[in-house]
Amino acid sequence: MNRTSFTAEFLFRASPTIIYKFLTTPDCLIRWFCEECKVVDGKYYFEWDGSEEIAQVLEDVENELLRLQWEEYEDEDEFLEFKLKRSPVTNETILEITAFCDDDEVDTETEVWSAQMEDLRRATGG
């Protein structure tokens, strides 16, 4: 199965600083993204249902960008990217997510991220 990238944008009333904190801090990540998390030497160790997945930080620009690469796909050009910017019209925070999945799973993955963003919205208050 071929892998493909997809991008989705989500609006938040919370500031980029707050959203960034919820993308990078283990105590905040467990409130919306995973069950357990630790960060050691530039690697995120995420746990879901007793299974651990590891992601290496490729790029980290405070309050603007976080790009991770799943250890499982380290030989590929795949990554998980969170970009933060302010809407010039509404002053809301725009969170743009770029991720990869199998060709036939784009709709499902987009729905999963939409649900995750609702959890993040509740956790950040906006």
C-alpha atoms as a PDB file:
ATOM      1  CA  MET A   1       0.000   0.000   0.000  1.00  0.00           C
ATOM      2  CA  ASN A   2       1.328   3.434  -0.919  1.00  0.00           C
ATOM      3  CA  ARG A   3       1.681   6.081   1.772  1.00  0.00           C
ATOM      4  CA  THR A   4       0.500   9.625   1.233  1.00  0.00           C
ATOM      5  CA  SER A   5       0.579  12.880   3.145  1.00  0.00           C
ATOM      6  CA  PHE A   6      -2.461  14.904   4.093  1.00  0.00           C
ATOM      7  CA  THR A   7      -2.881  18.290   5.725  1.00  0.00           C
ATOM      8  CA  ALA A   8      -5.703  19.580   7.894  1.00  0.00           C
ATOM      9  CA  GLU A   9      -6.240  22.968   9.547  1.00  0.00           C
ATOM     10  CA  PHE A  10      -8.002  23.664  12.821  1.00  0.00           C
ATOM     11  CA  LEU A  11      -8.884  26.968  14.508  1.00  0.00           C
ATOM     12  CA  PHE A  12      -8.395  27.667  18.211  1.00  0.00           C
ATOM     13  CA  ARG A  13      -9.182  30.645  20.425  1.00  0.00           C
ATOM     14  CA  ALA A  14      -6.190  29.732  22.609  1.00  0.00           C
ATOM     15  CA  SER A  15      -2.880  31.449  21.825  1.00  0.00           C
ATOM     16  CA  PRO A  16      -0.066  29.759  19.882  1.00  0.00           C
ATOM     17  CA  THR A  17       1.915  29.679  23.141  1.00  0.00           C
ATOM     18  CA  ILE A  18      -0.757  27.609  24.874  1.00  0.00           C
ATOM     19  CA  ILE A  19      -1.279  25.281  21.907  1.00  0.00           C
ATOM     20  CA  TYR A  20       2.488  24.788  21.591  1.00  0.00           C
ATOM     21  CA  LYS A  21       2.661  23.826  25.259  1.00  0.00           C
ATOM     22  CA  PHE A  22      -0.037  21.204  24.667  1.00  0.00           C
ATOM     23  CA  LEU A  23       1.928  19.808  21.703  1.00  0.00           C
ATOM     24  CA  THR A  24       5.265  19.546  23.490  1.00  0.00           C
ATOM     25  CA  THR A  25       4.712  18.950  27.206  1.00  0.00           C
ATOM     26  CA  PRO A  26       4.095  15.380  28.422  1.00  0.00           C
ATOM     27  CA  ASP A  27       1.648  16.491  31.134  1.00  0.00           C
ATOM     28  CA  CYS A  28      -0.393  18.295  28.489  1.00  0.00           C
ATOM     29  CA  LEU A  29      -0.090  15.623  25.782  1.00  0.00           C
ATOM     30  CA  ILE A  30      -1.714  13.040  28.045  1.00  0.00           C
ATOM     31  CA  ARG A  31      -4.749  15.308  28.328  1.00  0.00           C
ATOM     32  CA  TRP A  32      -5.606  15.007  24.633  1.00  0.00           C
ATOM     33  CA  PHE A  33      -3.203  12.840  22.586  1.00  0.00           C
ATOM     34  CA  CYS A  34      -1.940   9.740  24.409  1.00  0.00           C
ATOM     35  CA  GLU A  35      -2.205   7.818  27.654  1.00  0.00           C
ATOM     36  CA  GLU A  36       1.427   8.237  28.732  1.00  0.00           C
ATOM     37  CA  CYS A  37       4.294  10.367  27.436  1.00  0.00           C
ATOM     38  CA  LYS A  38       7.871  11.153  28.255  1.00  0.00           C
ATOM     39  CA  VAL A  39      10.497  13.181  26.423  1.00  0.00           C
ATOM     40  CA  VAL A  40      14.137  12.109  26.626  1.00  0.00           C
ATOM     41  CA  ASP A  41      17.036  13.395  24.516  1.00  0.00           C
ATOM     42  CA  GLY A  42      14.880  14.776  21.707  1.00  0.00           C
ATOM     43  CA  LYS A  43      12.609  11.744  21.532  1.00  0.00           C
ATOM     44  CA  TYR A  44       8.961  11.484  22.480  1.00  0.00           C
ATOM     45  CA  TYR A  45       7.845   8.157  23.936  1.00  0.00           C
ATOM     46  CA  PHE A  46       4.063   7.874  23.510  1.00  0.00           C
ATOM     47  CA  GLU A  47       1.936   5.094  24.938  1.00  0.00           C
ATOM     48  CA  TRP A  48      -1.523   3.961  23.885  1.00  0.00           C
ATOM     49  CA  ASP A  49      -3.178   0.809  25.261  1.00  0.00           C
ATOM     50  CA  GLY A  50       0.153  -0.450  26.610  1.00  0.00           C
ATOM     51  CA  SER A  51       1.893  -0.074  23.247  1.00  0.00           C
ATOM     52  CA  GLU A  52       4.754   2.415  22.913  1.00  0.00           C
ATOM     53  CA  GLU A  53       5.624   4.447  19.838  1.00  0.00           C
ATOM     54  CA  ILE A  54       8.710   6.628  19.619  1.00  0.00           C
ATOM     55  CA  ALA A  55       9.084   9.851  17.635  1.00  0.00           C
ATOM     56  CA  GLN A  56      12.311  11.783  17.062  1.00  0.00           C
ATOM     57  CA  VAL A  57      12.167  15.583  17.001  1.00  0.00           C
ATOM     58  CA  LEU A  58      13.259  16.759  13.542  1.00  0.00           C
ATOM     59  CA  GLU A  59      12.499  20.437  14.037  1.00  0.00           C
ATOM     60  CA  ASP A  60      11.205  22.499  16.934  1.00  0.00           C
ATOM     61  CA  VAL A  61      10.568  26.235  16.746  1.00  0.00           C
ATOM     62  CA  GLU A  62       8.924  27.462  19.928  1.00  0.00           C
ATOM     63  CA  ASN A  63       5.293  28.569  19.421  1.00  0.00           C
ATOM     64  CA  GLU A  64       5.540  27.958  15.654  1.00  0.00           C
ATOM     65  CA  LEU A  65       6.480  24.445  14.573  1.00  0.00           C
ATOM     66  CA  LEU A  66       7.018  20.912  15.795  1.00  0.00           C
ATOM     67  CA  ARG A  67       8.053  18.202  13.329  1.00  0.00           C
ATOM     68  CA  LEU A  68       8.434  14.618  14.504  1.00  0.00           C
ATOM     69  CA  GLN A  69       9.414  11.440  12.733  1.00  0.00           C
ATOM     70  CA  TRP A  70       8.029   8.144  13.932  1.00  0.00           C
ATOM     71  CA  GLU A  71      10.833   5.658  14.584  1.00  0.00           C
ATOM     72  CA  GLU A  72       8.863   3.099  12.578  1.00  0.00           C
ATOM     73  CA  TYR A  73       9.243   5.292   9.459  1.00  0.00           C
ATOM     74  CA  GLU A  74      12.759   6.669  10.003  1.00  0.00           C
ATOM     75  CA  ASP A  75      13.918   5.372   6.617  1.00  0.00           C
ATOM     76  CA  GLU A  76      11.073   7.194   4.871  1.00  0.00           C
ATOM     77  CA  ASP A  77      10.422  10.860   4.247  1.00  0.00           C
ATOM     78  CA  GLU A  78       7.432  10.720   6.584  1.00  0.00           C
ATOM     79  CA  PHE A  79       6.806  13.023   9.501  1.00  0.00           C
ATOM     80  CA  LEU A  80       4.122  14.444  11.752  1.00  0.00           C
ATOM     81  CA  GLU A  81       4.133  18.222  11.671  1.00  0.00           C
ATOM     82  CA  PHE A  82       2.275  20.834  13.685  1.00  0.00           C
ATOM     83  CA  LYS A  83       2.467  24.430  12.403  1.00  0.00           C
ATOM     84  CA  LEU A  84       1.041  27.319  14.379  1.00  0.00           C
ATOM     85  CA  LYS A  85       0.133  30.745  13.047  1.00  0.00           C
ATOM     86  CA  ARG A  86      -2.329  33.543  13.771  1.00  0.00           C
ATOM     87  CA  SER A  87      -5.238  34.314  11.481  1.00  0.00           C
ATOM     88  CA  PRO A  88      -4.829  37.941  10.336  1.00  0.00           C
ATOM     89  CA  VAL A  89      -8.616  38.272  10.097  1.00  0.00           C
ATOM     90  CA  THR A  90      -9.918  36.666  13.308  1.00  0.00           C
ATOM     91  CA  ASN A  91      -6.716  36.569  15.405  1.00  0.00           C
ATOM     92  CA  GLU A  92      -7.443  32.905  16.143  1.00  0.00           C
ATOM     93  CA  THR A  93      -4.643  30.363  16.194  1.00  0.00           C
ATOM     94  CA  ILE A  94      -4.474  28.167  13.115  1.00  0.00           C
ATOM     95  CA  LEU A  95      -3.011  24.731  13.779  1.00  0.00           C
ATOM     96  CA  GLU A  96      -2.001  23.012  10.556  1.00  0.00           C
ATOM     97  CA  ILE A  97      -1.268  19.300  10.848  1.00  0.00           C
ATOM     98  CA  THR A  98       0.588  17.331   8.191  1.00  0.00           C
ATOM     99  CA  ALA A  99       0.705  13.561   8.624  1.00  0.00           C
ATOM    100  CA  PHE A 100       1.065  10.393   6.562  1.00  0.00           C
ATOM    101  CA  CYS A 101      -1.092   7.315   6.155  1.00  0.00           C
ATOM    102  CA  ASP A 102      -1.970   4.598   3.654  1.00  0.00           C
ATOM    103  CA  ASP A 103      -3.682   5.914   0.504  1.00  0.00           C
ATOM    104  CA  ASP A 104      -7.009   4.354   1.428  1.00  0.00           C
ATOM    105  CA  GLU A 105      -7.012   5.745   4.998  1.00  0.00           C
ATOM    106  CA  VAL A 106      -6.937   9.514   4.406  1.00  0.00           C
ATOM    107  CA  ASP A 107     -10.617  10.043   5.265  1.00  0.00           C
ATOM    108  CA  THR A 108     -10.353   7.903   8.400  1.00  0.00           C
ATOM    109  CA  GLU A 109      -7.162   9.615   9.555  1.00  0.00           C
ATOM    110  CA  THR A 110      -8.679  13.044   8.951  1.00  0.00           C
ATOM    111  CA  GLU A 111     -11.651  12.064  11.124  1.00  0.00           C
ATOM    112  CA  VAL A 112      -9.311  10.776  13.846  1.00  0.00           C
ATOM    113  CA  TRP A 113      -7.393  14.079  13.848  1.00  0.00           C
ATOM    114  CA  SER A 114     -10.658  16.036  13.936  1.00  0.00           C
ATOM    115  CA  ALA A 115     -11.681  14.113  17.054  1.00  0.00           C
ATOM    116  CA  GLN A 116      -8.232  14.669  18.585  1.00  0.00           C
ATOM    117  CA  MET A 117      -8.550  18.398  17.894  1.00  0.00           C
ATOM    118  CA  GLU A 118     -11.874  18.501  19.736  1.00  0.00           C
ATOM    119  CA  ASP A 119     -10.094  16.943  22.736  1.00  0.00           C
ATOM    120  CA  LEU A 120      -7.298  19.520  22.367  1.00  0.00           C
ATOM    121  CA  ARG A 121      -9.828  22.340  22.098  1.00  0.00           C
ATOM    122  CA  ARG A 122     -11.503  21.235  25.343  1.00  0.00           C
ATOM    123  CA  ALA A 123      -8.122  20.844  27.086  1.00  0.00           C
ATOM    124  CA  THR A 124      -6.956  24.330  26.080  1.00  0.00           C
ATOM    125  CA  GLY A 125     -10.283  26.046  26.681  1.00  0.00           C
ATOM    126  CA  GLY A 126     -10.639  27.141  23.136  1.00  0.00           C
END
